[in-house]
Amino acid sequence: MNDQDYAQVEQSPKFQALVASKKRFLFPMTLFFLVFYFALPILTSYSKVLNQTAFGPVSWAWVFAFAQFIMTWVLCIIYSKKSVKFDQMVDEIKQERGGQAG
């Protein structure tokens, strides 16, 4: 494929829909991840809110830290399911180009 073919693919409505769909999905997911991830060190450094006991000798800081592992797995599962739709859109773009894109 030459540069002109890539430019045509990039300008196609299906490719534009793919890019827009990915942005609509990835931007909020990334923003949520970053806020959730950096909340723990910020809250533990600059406040005492997570130092309170959640249950037994376990503080809320430990609960939050464990929740970050869960959050990471959940986001990976969500992305894996959503990527199937993105892959279908890519396949449609490839078929539209006669199987040449990629």
N, C-alpha and C. Protein backbone atom coordinates (compact mmCIF):
# COMPACT_ATOMS: atom_id res chain seq x y z
N MET A 1 0.84 -1.18 0.00
CA MET A 1 0.00 0.00 0.00
C MET A 1 0.88 1.24 0.00
N ASN A 2 0.54 2.22 -0.80
CA ASN A 2 1.34 3.44 -0.83
C ASN A 2 0.70 4.52 0.04
N ASP A 3 1.37 5.67 0.12
CA ASP A 3 0.90 6.76 0.98
C ASP A 3 -0.47 7.27 0.56
N GLN A 4 -0.74 7.28 -0.73
CA GLN A 4 -2.03 7.75 -1.23
C GLN A 4 -3.15 6.83 -0.74
N ASP A 5 -2.92 5.52 -0.73
CA ASP A 5 -3.93 4.58 -0.25
C ASP A 5 -4.22 4.80 1.23
N TYR A 6 -3.17 5.05 2.01
CA TYR A 6 -3.37 5.31 3.43
C TYR A 6 -4.17 6.58 3.65
N ALA A 7 -3.91 7.59 2.85
CA ALA A 7 -4.66 8.84 2.96
C ALA A 7 -6.13 8.61 2.64
N GLN A 8 -6.42 7.77 1.64
CA GLN A 8 -7.81 7.46 1.31
C GLN A 8 -8.49 6.72 2.45
N VAL A 9 -7.78 5.77 3.04
CA VAL A 9 -8.35 5.03 4.17
C VAL A 9 -8.63 5.97 5.32
N GLU A 10 -7.68 6.85 5.60
CA GLU A 10 -7.81 7.78 6.72
C GLU A 10 -9.01 8.72 6.54
N GLN A 11 -9.32 9.06 5.31
CA GLN A 11 -10.41 9.98 5.03
C GLN A 11 -11.76 9.29 4.89
N SER A 12 -11.77 7.98 4.90
CA SER A 12 -13.03 7.26 4.71
C SER A 12 -13.93 7.42 5.94
N PRO A 13 -15.25 7.44 5.72
CA PRO A 13 -16.19 7.59 6.84
C PRO A 13 -16.07 6.46 7.87
N LYS A 14 -15.81 5.25 7.43
CA LYS A 14 -15.70 4.13 8.37
C LYS A 14 -14.47 4.27 9.27
N PHE A 15 -13.35 4.73 8.70
CA PHE A 15 -12.15 4.94 9.50
C PHE A 15 -12.38 6.08 10.49
N GLN A 16 -13.01 7.14 10.03
CA GLN A 16 -13.32 8.27 10.92
C GLN A 16 -14.23 7.82 12.06
N ALA A 17 -15.20 6.94 11.76
CA ALA A 17 -16.09 6.41 12.80
C ALA A 17 -15.31 5.56 13.79
N LEU A 18 -14.36 4.78 13.29
CA LEU A 18 -13.52 3.96 14.17
C LEU A 18 -12.71 4.83 15.12
N VAL A 19 -12.06 5.83 14.60
CA VAL A 19 -11.25 6.72 15.43
C VAL A 19 -12.12 7.44 16.46
N ALA A 20 -13.28 7.94 16.04
CA ALA A 20 -14.18 8.64 16.96
C ALA A 20 -14.69 7.69 18.05
N SER A 21 -15.03 6.48 17.67
CA SER A 21 -15.52 5.50 18.63
C SER A 21 -14.45 5.16 19.66
N LYS A 22 -13.22 4.98 19.20
CA LYS A 22 -12.13 4.66 20.11
C LYS A 22 -11.86 5.83 21.06
N LYS A 23 -11.91 7.05 20.55
CA LYS A 23 -11.69 8.23 21.41
C LYS A 23 -12.78 8.34 22.46
N ARG A 24 -14.04 8.13 22.06
CA ARG A 24 -15.15 8.20 23.00
C ARG A 24 -15.02 7.16 24.11
N PHE A 25 -14.44 6.03 23.79
CA PHE A 25 -14.27 4.96 24.77
C PHE A 25 -13.00 5.15 25.59
N LEU A 26 -11.88 5.42 24.94
CA LEU A 26 -10.59 5.43 25.63
C LEU A 26 -10.36 6.66 26.49
N PHE A 27 -10.84 7.82 26.08
CA PHE A 27 -10.59 9.02 26.88
C PHE A 27 -11.20 8.92 28.27
N PRO A 28 -12.49 8.60 28.41
CA PRO A 28 -13.04 8.50 29.77
C PRO A 28 -12.41 7.36 30.58
N MET A 29 -12.10 6.24 29.91
CA MET A 29 -11.48 5.12 30.63
C MET A 29 -10.10 5.52 31.14
N THR A 30 -9.32 6.19 30.33
CA THR A 30 -7.99 6.62 30.73
C THR A 30 -8.07 7.66 31.84
N LEU A 31 -8.98 8.60 31.71
CA LEU A 31 -9.16 9.62 32.74
C LEU A 31 -9.55 8.98 34.08
N PHE A 32 -10.50 8.05 34.05
CA PHE A 32 -10.91 7.35 35.27
C PHE A 32 -9.72 6.61 35.88
N PHE A 33 -8.96 5.87 35.05
CA PHE A 33 -7.83 5.12 35.55
C PHE A 33 -6.81 6.04 36.23
N LEU A 34 -6.47 7.14 35.58
CA LEU A 34 -5.46 8.04 36.14
C LEU A 34 -5.92 8.67 37.44
N VAL A 35 -7.18 9.11 37.50
CA VAL A 35 -7.70 9.70 38.74
C VAL A 35 -7.72 8.67 39.85
N PHE A 36 -8.21 7.48 39.56
CA PHE A 36 -8.28 6.41 40.57
C PHE A 36 -6.88 6.01 41.02
N TYR A 37 -5.96 5.89 40.08
CA TYR A 37 -4.60 5.46 40.39
C TYR A 37 -3.86 6.48 41.26
N PHE A 38 -3.94 7.75 40.89
CA PHE A 38 -3.20 8.77 41.62
C PHE A 38 -3.92 9.24 42.88
N ALA A 39 -5.17 8.87 43.05
CA ALA A 39 -5.89 9.26 44.27
C ALA A 39 -5.25 8.64 45.52
N LEU A 40 -4.79 7.40 45.43
CA LEU A 40 -4.21 6.74 46.60
C LEU A 40 -2.97 7.47 47.12
N PRO A 41 -1.95 7.70 46.31
CA PRO A 41 -0.78 8.40 46.87
C PRO A 41 -1.08 9.83 47.29
N ILE A 42 -1.98 10.50 46.58
CA ILE A 42 -2.32 11.87 46.95
C ILE A 42 -3.08 11.89 48.27
N LEU A 43 -4.09 11.03 48.40
CA LEU A 43 -4.87 11.00 49.64
C LEU A 43 -4.05 10.55 50.84
N THR A 44 -3.15 9.60 50.65
CA THR A 44 -2.34 9.14 51.78
C THR A 44 -1.26 10.16 52.15
N SER A 45 -0.83 10.96 51.19
CA SER A 45 0.21 11.95 51.46
C SER A 45 -0.33 13.24 52.07
N TYR A 46 -1.50 13.65 51.63
CA TYR A 46 -1.98 14.97 52.00
C TYR A 46 -3.24 14.98 52.86
N SER A 47 -3.73 13.82 53.26
CA SER A 47 -4.91 13.78 54.13
C SER A 47 -4.85 12.54 55.02
N LYS A 48 -5.72 12.50 55.97
CA LYS A 48 -5.79 11.36 56.89
C LYS A 48 -7.04 10.52 56.63
N VAL A 49 -7.76 10.81 55.56
CA VAL A 49 -9.05 10.17 55.30
C VAL A 49 -8.93 8.65 55.14
N LEU A 50 -7.84 8.17 54.56
CA LEU A 50 -7.70 6.73 54.35
C LEU A 50 -7.03 6.02 55.53
N ASN A 51 -6.66 6.77 56.56
CA ASN A 51 -6.02 6.16 57.72
C ASN A 51 -7.03 5.54 58.69
N GLN A 52 -8.29 5.81 58.50
CA GLN A 52 -9.30 5.29 59.41
C GLN A 52 -9.50 3.80 59.17
N THR A 53 -9.92 3.12 60.22
CA THR A 53 -10.10 1.67 60.15
C THR A 53 -11.33 1.31 59.32
N ALA A 54 -11.14 0.39 58.38
CA ALA A 54 -12.25 -0.11 57.57
C ALA A 54 -12.89 -1.28 58.29
N PHE A 55 -12.08 -2.26 58.68
CA PHE A 55 -12.54 -3.40 59.48
C PHE A 55 -11.31 -4.04 60.13
N GLY A 56 -11.44 -4.43 61.34
CA GLY A 56 -10.32 -5.01 62.08
C GLY A 56 -9.12 -4.07 62.03
N PRO A 57 -7.93 -4.60 61.81
CA PRO A 57 -6.73 -3.75 61.76
C PRO A 57 -6.46 -3.17 60.36
N VAL A 58 -7.39 -3.36 59.43
CA VAL A 58 -7.19 -2.93 58.03
C VAL A 58 -7.75 -1.52 57.84
N SER A 59 -6.88 -0.64 57.34
CA SER A 59 -7.31 0.75 57.08
C SER A 59 -7.90 0.87 55.68
N TRP A 60 -8.54 2.00 55.41
CA TRP A 60 -9.12 2.26 54.10
C TRP A 60 -8.04 2.38 53.02
N ALA A 61 -6.82 2.73 53.41
CA ALA A 61 -5.73 2.80 52.43
C ALA A 61 -5.47 1.42 51.84
N TRP A 62 -5.50 0.38 52.67
CA TRP A 62 -5.31 -0.99 52.17
C TRP A 62 -6.47 -1.42 51.28
N VAL A 63 -7.68 -1.04 51.65
CA VAL A 63 -8.85 -1.38 50.84
C VAL A 63 -8.75 -0.70 49.48
N PHE A 64 -8.37 0.58 49.50
CA PHE A 64 -8.22 1.33 48.25
C PHE A 64 -7.12 0.71 47.39
N ALA A 65 -6.00 0.35 48.00
CA ALA A 65 -4.90 -0.25 47.25
C ALA A 65 -5.33 -1.58 46.61
N PHE A 66 -6.04 -2.39 47.34
CA PHE A 66 -6.53 -3.65 46.79
C PHE A 66 -7.54 -3.39 45.67
N ALA A 67 -8.36 -2.36 45.84
CA ALA A 67 -9.36 -2.01 44.82
C ALA A 67 -8.69 -1.61 43.51
N GLN A 68 -7.46 -1.10 43.59
CA GLN A 68 -6.76 -0.74 42.36
C GLN A 68 -6.43 -1.97 41.51
N PHE A 69 -6.12 -3.08 42.17
CA PHE A 69 -5.90 -4.31 41.41
C PHE A 69 -7.19 -4.76 40.73
N ILE A 70 -8.28 -4.69 41.47
CA ILE A 70 -9.58 -5.07 40.91
C ILE A 70 -9.95 -4.15 39.75
N MET A 71 -9.74 -2.84 39.95
CA MET A 71 -10.06 -1.86 38.91
C MET A 71 -9.26 -2.14 37.64
N THR A 72 -8.00 -2.49 37.78
CA THR A 72 -7.17 -2.79 36.61
C THR A 72 -7.70 -3.99 35.84
N TRP A 73 -8.06 -5.05 36.55
CA TRP A 73 -8.61 -6.24 35.90
C TRP A 73 -9.94 -5.93 35.23
N VAL A 74 -10.79 -5.16 35.90
CA VAL A 74 -12.09 -4.82 35.32
C VAL A 74 -11.93 -3.99 34.05
N LEU A 75 -11.03 -3.00 34.09
CA LEU A 75 -10.80 -2.19 32.89
C LEU A 75 -10.24 -3.03 31.75
N CYS A 76 -9.38 -3.98 32.06
CA CYS A 76 -8.84 -4.87 31.01
C CYS A 76 -9.94 -5.73 30.41
N ILE A 77 -10.83 -6.24 31.24
CA ILE A 77 -11.94 -7.06 30.75
C ILE A 77 -12.87 -6.23 29.87
N ILE A 78 -13.18 -5.02 30.35
CA ILE A 78 -14.06 -4.14 29.58
C ILE A 78 -13.43 -3.82 28.23
N TYR A 79 -12.13 -3.49 28.23
CA TYR A 79 -11.47 -3.17 26.97
C TYR A 79 -11.43 -4.38 26.04
N SER A 80 -11.18 -5.55 26.59
CA SER A 80 -11.14 -6.77 25.76
C SER A 80 -12.47 -7.01 25.07
N LYS A 81 -13.55 -6.77 25.78
CA LYS A 81 -14.88 -6.95 25.19
C LYS A 81 -15.16 -5.87 24.14
N LYS A 82 -14.77 -4.65 24.45
CA LYS A 82 -15.01 -3.53 23.52
C LYS A 82 -14.13 -3.64 22.28
N SER A 83 -12.93 -4.22 22.43
CA SER A 83 -12.02 -4.31 21.29
C SER A 83 -12.56 -5.22 20.19
N VAL A 84 -13.46 -6.10 20.54
CA VAL A 84 -14.08 -6.95 19.51
C VAL A 84 -14.82 -6.07 18.50
N LYS A 85 -15.52 -5.06 19.00
CA LYS A 85 -16.24 -4.14 18.10
C LYS A 85 -15.25 -3.35 17.25
N PHE A 86 -14.15 -2.90 17.88
CA PHE A 86 -13.14 -2.16 17.12
C PHE A 86 -12.54 -3.05 16.02
N ASP A 87 -12.27 -4.30 16.35
CA ASP A 87 -11.72 -5.23 15.37
C ASP A 87 -12.69 -5.46 14.21
N GLN A 88 -13.98 -5.53 14.52
CA GLN A 88 -14.98 -5.69 13.46
C GLN A 88 -14.99 -4.47 12.53
N MET A 89 -14.85 -3.29 13.14
CA MET A 89 -14.81 -2.07 12.32
C MET A 89 -13.57 -2.07 11.42
N VAL A 90 -12.44 -2.52 11.95
CA VAL A 90 -11.22 -2.60 11.15
C VAL A 90 -11.40 -3.60 10.01
N ASP A 91 -12.02 -4.74 10.31
CA ASP A 91 -12.27 -5.74 9.26
C ASP A 91 -13.15 -5.18 8.15
N GLU A 92 -14.15 -4.37 8.52
CA GLU A 92 -15.02 -3.74 7.52
C GLU A 92 -14.21 -2.79 6.65
N ILE A 93 -13.30 -2.04 7.26
CA ILE A 93 -12.46 -1.11 6.49
C ILE A 93 -11.57 -1.90 5.54
N LYS A 94 -11.01 -3.00 6.01
CA LYS A 94 -10.17 -3.83 5.16
C LYS A 94 -10.96 -4.40 3.98
N GLN A 95 -12.18 -4.87 4.24
CA GLN A 95 -13.02 -5.42 3.17
C GLN A 95 -13.37 -4.33 2.16
N GLU A 96 -13.63 -3.15 2.66
CA GLU A 96 -13.96 -2.03 1.78
C GLU A 96 -12.79 -1.72 0.84
N ARG A 97 -11.57 -1.91 1.33
CA ARG A 97 -10.37 -1.64 0.55
C ARG A 97 -9.94 -2.87 -0.26
N GLY A 98 -10.71 -3.92 -0.21
CA GLY A 98 -10.38 -5.12 -0.96
C GLY A 98 -9.31 -5.96 -0.27
N GLY A 99 -9.29 -5.90 1.07
CA GLY A 99 -8.34 -6.70 1.83
C GLY A 99 -6.92 -6.16 1.80
N GLN A 100 -6.72 -4.94 1.27
CA GLN A 100 -5.37 -4.39 1.14
C GLN A 100 -4.89 -3.67 2.38
N ALA A 101 -5.81 -3.23 3.25
CA ALA A 101 -5.42 -2.41 4.40
C ALA A 101 -4.85 -3.27 5.50
N GLY A 102 -3.60 -3.39 5.59
CA GLY A 102 -3.00 -4.08 6.72
C GLY A 102 -2.12 -5.14 6.29
